[in-house]
C-alpha cells in the first residue's frame, strides 16, 4: 500500500492565530494548520494541544506541518525518530505486521522501503508467499524504528518503520529473498542503497517472486 511523503517547511510567517482566537484559551479549532498550532505548544502544554505527549501539536490538522520543538520558532528541527521494542502479535501481509508495545497498546507497522504483492482486495501473484515468509521471520520481540527522512504514518494511520529481529532487518530480508521490491516515495529512505543492492542480487539470481511471477 502506497503512502504520502512528509512535507517539511519553515515556520516563518505562521505565527498568526485564526480569527477570534484568544491567546489565553486555545484549542486545535483555533488554528487552520498544524504548523500554526505548533507555535503555541509551550512546556507543560497548558492548552492541551499535544494529546499524545509526543511534542507535536494538533496532529489532526492539515499541513503545512512543523517539526520544531515546543515554543521554538525559526527553522524546524530534524524530525524525531521513534524507536521501541515490541512483541509481534500478528502478521497481516508481507509488508505489514501488528505489534504489542511494552505499555500493552497495539501498533500496526507498515515496513518502510518495501512493497509486496497484495493479498487483500484481490490476491496478486507472490502475495501469499510473501505473507508466509514474513510470518516465519516476524516472531517474538522486535525493534521498531522510524526514519527521520520519511513520514511517520501513512493515510491509514500505520506507523512507517524498519523492523529488526535480532540482527535481521526484516524489510531487507524480504527484498533479499525476492519476496519484496524496494519502494520509494519522494526522498530516498536512509537504508535505500543497502536495500537496492539486495534487490539487484535477488533479481539477478531469479529469487522468489522474480522467478515465480516474472517480477513485481
Protein backbone atom coordinates (compact mmCIF):
# COMPACT_ATOMS: atom_id res chain seq x y z
CA UNK A 1 0.00 0.00 0.00
CA UNK A 2 1.40 3.35 -1.04
CA UNK A 3 1.98 6.22 1.37
CA UNK A 4 2.50 10.00 1.11
CA UNK A 5 5.67 11.98 1.67
CA UNK A 6 6.19 14.20 4.77
CA UNK A 7 6.42 17.90 3.85
CA UNK A 8 8.98 19.86 5.88
CA UNK A 9 8.63 23.64 5.84
CA UNK A 10 9.92 26.80 7.54
CA UNK A 11 7.74 28.23 10.28
CA UNK A 12 8.27 31.83 9.20
CA UNK A 13 5.01 33.67 8.61
CA UNK A 14 2.87 31.15 10.53
CA UNK A 15 2.63 32.96 13.84
CA UNK A 16 -0.91 34.29 13.47
CA UNK A 17 -3.86 32.69 15.22
CA UNK A 18 -7.08 32.01 13.40
CA UNK A 19 -9.60 34.86 13.62
CA UNK A 20 -11.30 35.12 17.00
CA UNK A 21 -8.74 33.06 18.93
CA UNK A 22 -7.71 34.17 22.40
CA UNK A 23 -4.11 33.75 23.50
CA UNK A 24 -5.28 32.75 26.96
CA UNK A 25 -7.68 29.98 25.94
CA UNK A 26 -6.67 27.95 22.89
CA UNK A 27 -7.56 24.64 21.32
CA UNK A 28 -6.89 22.99 17.97
CA UNK A 29 -10.02 24.53 16.45
CA UNK A 30 -8.33 27.95 16.75
CA UNK A 31 -5.77 27.04 14.05
CA UNK A 32 -6.03 26.26 10.37
CA UNK A 33 -2.77 24.26 10.07
CA UNK A 34 -0.61 22.10 12.30
CA UNK A 35 2.35 24.46 11.87
CA UNK A 36 0.34 27.34 13.35
CA UNK A 37 -0.64 25.26 16.38
CA UNK A 38 2.98 24.17 16.93
CA UNK A 39 3.99 27.77 17.65
CA UNK A 40 1.75 27.80 20.73
CA UNK A 41 2.84 24.45 22.16
CA UNK A 42 4.74 25.50 25.30
CA UNK A 43 6.33 23.39 28.07
CA UNK A 44 3.63 21.78 30.18
CA UNK A 45 1.14 22.08 27.31
CA UNK A 46 -1.28 24.36 29.21
CA UNK A 47 -3.69 24.49 26.26
CA UNK A 48 -3.87 20.73 25.72
CA UNK A 49 -2.65 20.89 22.12
CA UNK A 50 -0.47 17.75 22.34
CA UNK A 51 -2.87 14.88 23.05
CA UNK A 52 -0.23 12.16 22.52
CA UNK A 53 2.55 13.82 24.51
CA UNK A 54 5.00 13.47 21.63
CA UNK A 55 5.85 17.15 21.23
CA UNK A 56 3.63 17.61 18.17
CA UNK A 57 0.59 19.89 18.46
CA UNK A 58 -2.79 19.18 16.86
CA UNK A 59 -1.68 16.32 14.61
CA UNK A 60 -5.20 16.06 13.13
CA UNK A 61 -4.84 19.47 11.47
CA UNK A 62 -3.76 19.66 7.81
CA UNK A 63 -0.28 20.66 6.70
CA UNK A 64 1.74 22.86 6.37
CA UNK A 65 3.26 20.92 9.27
CA UNK A 66 6.12 21.60 11.67
CA UNK A 67 8.80 19.56 13.41
CA UNK A 68 10.01 22.39 15.67
CA UNK A 69 10.23 21.82 19.42
CA UNK A 70 7.52 23.36 21.61
CA UNK A 71 7.84 27.14 21.92
CA UNK A 72 10.56 27.47 19.27
CA UNK A 73 10.41 29.43 16.05
CA UNK A 74 12.83 29.75 13.16
CA UNK A 75 13.91 26.72 11.20
CA UNK A 76 12.36 23.39 12.24
CA UNK A 77 14.47 20.75 13.95
CA UNK A 78 15.04 17.38 12.29
CA UNK A 79 12.04 15.04 12.76
CA UNK A 80 12.23 12.90 15.87
CA UNK A 81 13.00 9.20 15.45
CA UNK A 82 10.57 6.82 17.13
CA UNK A 83 12.26 3.66 18.38
CA UNK A 84 10.92 0.95 20.67
CA UNK A 85 10.91 -2.77 21.35
CA UNK A 86 7.71 -4.73 20.96
CA UNK A 87 6.36 -8.25 20.56
CA UNK A 88 4.85 -9.37 17.27
CA UNK A 89 1.15 -10.08 17.69
CA UNK A 90 0.09 -10.72 14.11
CA UNK A 91 1.36 -10.70 10.53
CA UNK A 92 -1.18 -9.01 8.28
CA UNK A 93 0.66 -9.49 4.99
CA UNK A 94 4.17 -9.40 3.54
CA UNK A 95 4.87 -5.79 4.46
CA UNK A 96 2.54 -5.14 7.41
CA UNK A 97 2.58 -6.50 10.96
CA UNK A 98 0.92 -5.74 14.26
CA UNK A 99 2.96 -5.49 17.47
CA UNK A 100 2.21 -5.07 21.15
CA UNK A 101 4.27 -2.40 22.90
CA UNK A 102 5.51 -2.69 26.48
CA UNK A 103 2.65 -0.40 27.54
CA UNK A 104 0.22 -3.01 26.27
CA UNK A 105 -1.03 -0.91 23.36
CA UNK A 106 -1.12 -2.29 19.83
CA UNK A 107 0.63 -0.68 16.87
CA UNK A 108 0.27 -1.58 13.20
CA UNK A 109 3.60 -1.30 11.38
CA UNK A 110 3.96 -0.82 7.64
CA UNK A 111 7.55 -1.84 6.90
CA UNK A 112 9.43 1.06 5.38
CA UNK A 113 11.14 0.86 2.00
CA UNK A 114 9.47 -2.28 0.64
CA UNK A 115 6.31 -3.32 -1.15
CA UNK A 116 4.91 -6.83 -1.53
CA UNK A 117 2.13 -8.22 -3.72
CA UNK A 118 -1.37 -7.80 -2.29
CA UNK A 119 -3.41 -10.50 -0.54
CA UNK A 120 -6.49 -8.36 0.15
CA UNK A 121 -8.84 -6.81 -2.38
CA UNK A 122 -7.58 -9.24 -4.98
CA UNK A 123 -4.68 -11.66 -4.48
CA UNK A 124 -1.63 -10.82 -6.59
CA UNK A 125 0.98 -13.31 -7.71
CA UNK A 126 3.52 -13.76 -4.93
CA UNK A 127 1.31 -12.23 -2.24
CA UNK A 128 0.65 -15.39 -0.27
CA UNK A 129 4.30 -16.45 -0.45
CA UNK A 130 5.39 -13.02 0.85
CA UNK A 131 2.94 -13.22 3.75
CA UNK A 132 4.11 -16.73 4.60
CA UNK A 133 7.75 -15.66 4.66
CA UNK A 134 7.01 -12.66 6.88
CA UNK A 135 5.09 -14.94 9.25
CA UNK A 136 8.19 -17.13 9.60
CA UNK A 137 10.53 -14.21 10.23
CA UNK A 138 8.40 -11.82 12.32
CA UNK A 139 8.16 -13.64 15.63
CA UNK A 140 8.80 -12.79 19.25
CA UNK A 141 10.44 -9.49 20.15
CA UNK A 142 11.48 -6.98 17.53
CA UNK A 143 12.91 -3.47 17.34
CA UNK A 144 10.80 -0.86 15.55
CA UNK A 145 12.48 2.32 14.30
CA UNK A 146 11.28 5.15 12.06
CA UNK A 147 13.37 7.07 9.53
CA UNK A 148 13.70 10.86 10.01
CA UNK A 149 13.65 11.37 6.24
CA UNK A 150 10.23 9.77 5.87
CA UNK A 151 6.65 10.27 7.01
CA UNK A 152 5.85 8.76 10.40
CA UNK A 153 2.46 7.38 9.35
CA UNK A 154 0.55 6.59 6.19
CA UNK A 155 -3.01 7.62 5.39
CA UNK A 156 -4.32 4.56 7.24
CA UNK A 157 -2.56 5.57 10.46
CA UNK A 158 0.03 2.80 10.27
CA UNK A 159 3.50 3.55 11.64
CA UNK A 160 6.09 3.54 8.83
CA UNK A 161 9.24 1.93 10.22
CA UNK A 162 12.08 -0.53 9.91
CA UNK A 163 11.58 -3.74 11.88
CA UNK A 164 14.57 -5.71 13.14
CA UNK A 165 14.58 -9.12 14.83
CA UNK A 166 17.96 -9.78 16.41
CA UNK A 167 20.39 -8.67 13.70
CA UNK A 168 17.96 -9.27 10.85
CA UNK A 169 16.36 -6.28 9.15
CA UNK A 170 13.07 -7.88 8.10
CA UNK A 171 12.45 -5.47 5.23
CA UNK A 172 15.86 -6.08 3.69
CA UNK A 173 15.48 -9.84 4.23
CA UNK A 174 12.20 -9.80 2.28
CA UNK A 175 13.94 -7.99 -0.58
CA UNK A 176 16.97 -10.29 -0.44
CA UNK A 177 14.77 -13.38 -0.74
CA UNK A 178 12.91 -11.92 -3.69
CA UNK A 179 9.59 -11.56 -1.90
CA UNK A 180 9.51 -7.74 -1.85
CA UNK A 181 10.68 -4.94 -4.09
CA UNK A 182 12.28 -1.69 -2.98
CA UNK A 183 9.68 1.07 -2.76
CA UNK A 184 10.42 4.80 -2.65
CA UNK A 185 8.11 7.81 -2.49
CA UNK A 186 9.84 11.18 -2.82
CA UNK A 187 13.07 11.24 -0.81
CA UNK A 188 15.05 8.04 -0.64
CA UNK A 189 14.87 6.40 2.76
CA UNK A 190 18.06 6.03 4.82
CA UNK A 191 18.68 2.36 4.02
CA UNK A 192 17.94 2.68 0.31
CA UNK A 193 21.40 1.75 -1.00
CA UNK A 194 21.56 -1.37 1.16
CA UNK A 195 18.06 -2.47 0.15
CA UNK A 196 18.67 -1.73 -3.54
CA UNK A 197 21.84 -3.80 -3.53
CA UNK A 198 19.90 -6.74 -2.06
CA UNK A 199 17.22 -6.30 -4.72
CA UNK A 200 19.74 -6.36 -7.58
CA UNK A 201 21.22 -9.61 -6.28
CA UNK A 202 17.78 -11.21 -5.75
CA UNK A 203 16.74 -10.24 -9.26
CA UNK A 204 19.98 -11.44 -10.88
CA UNK A 205 19.64 -14.79 -9.09
CA UNK A 206 15.94 -15.00 -10.02
CA UNK A 207 14.78 -15.50 -6.44
CA UNK A 208 11.25 -15.64 -5.12
CA UNK A 209 8.70 -13.56 -7.00
CA UNK A 210 11.23 -12.62 -9.64
CA UNK A 211 11.15 -16.31 -10.59
CA UNK A 212 7.62 -17.49 -9.81
CA UNK A 213 5.82 -14.44 -11.15
CA UNK A 214 8.31 -12.94 -13.58
CA UNK A 215 8.81 -9.92 -11.31
CA UNK A 216 6.68 -7.39 -9.45
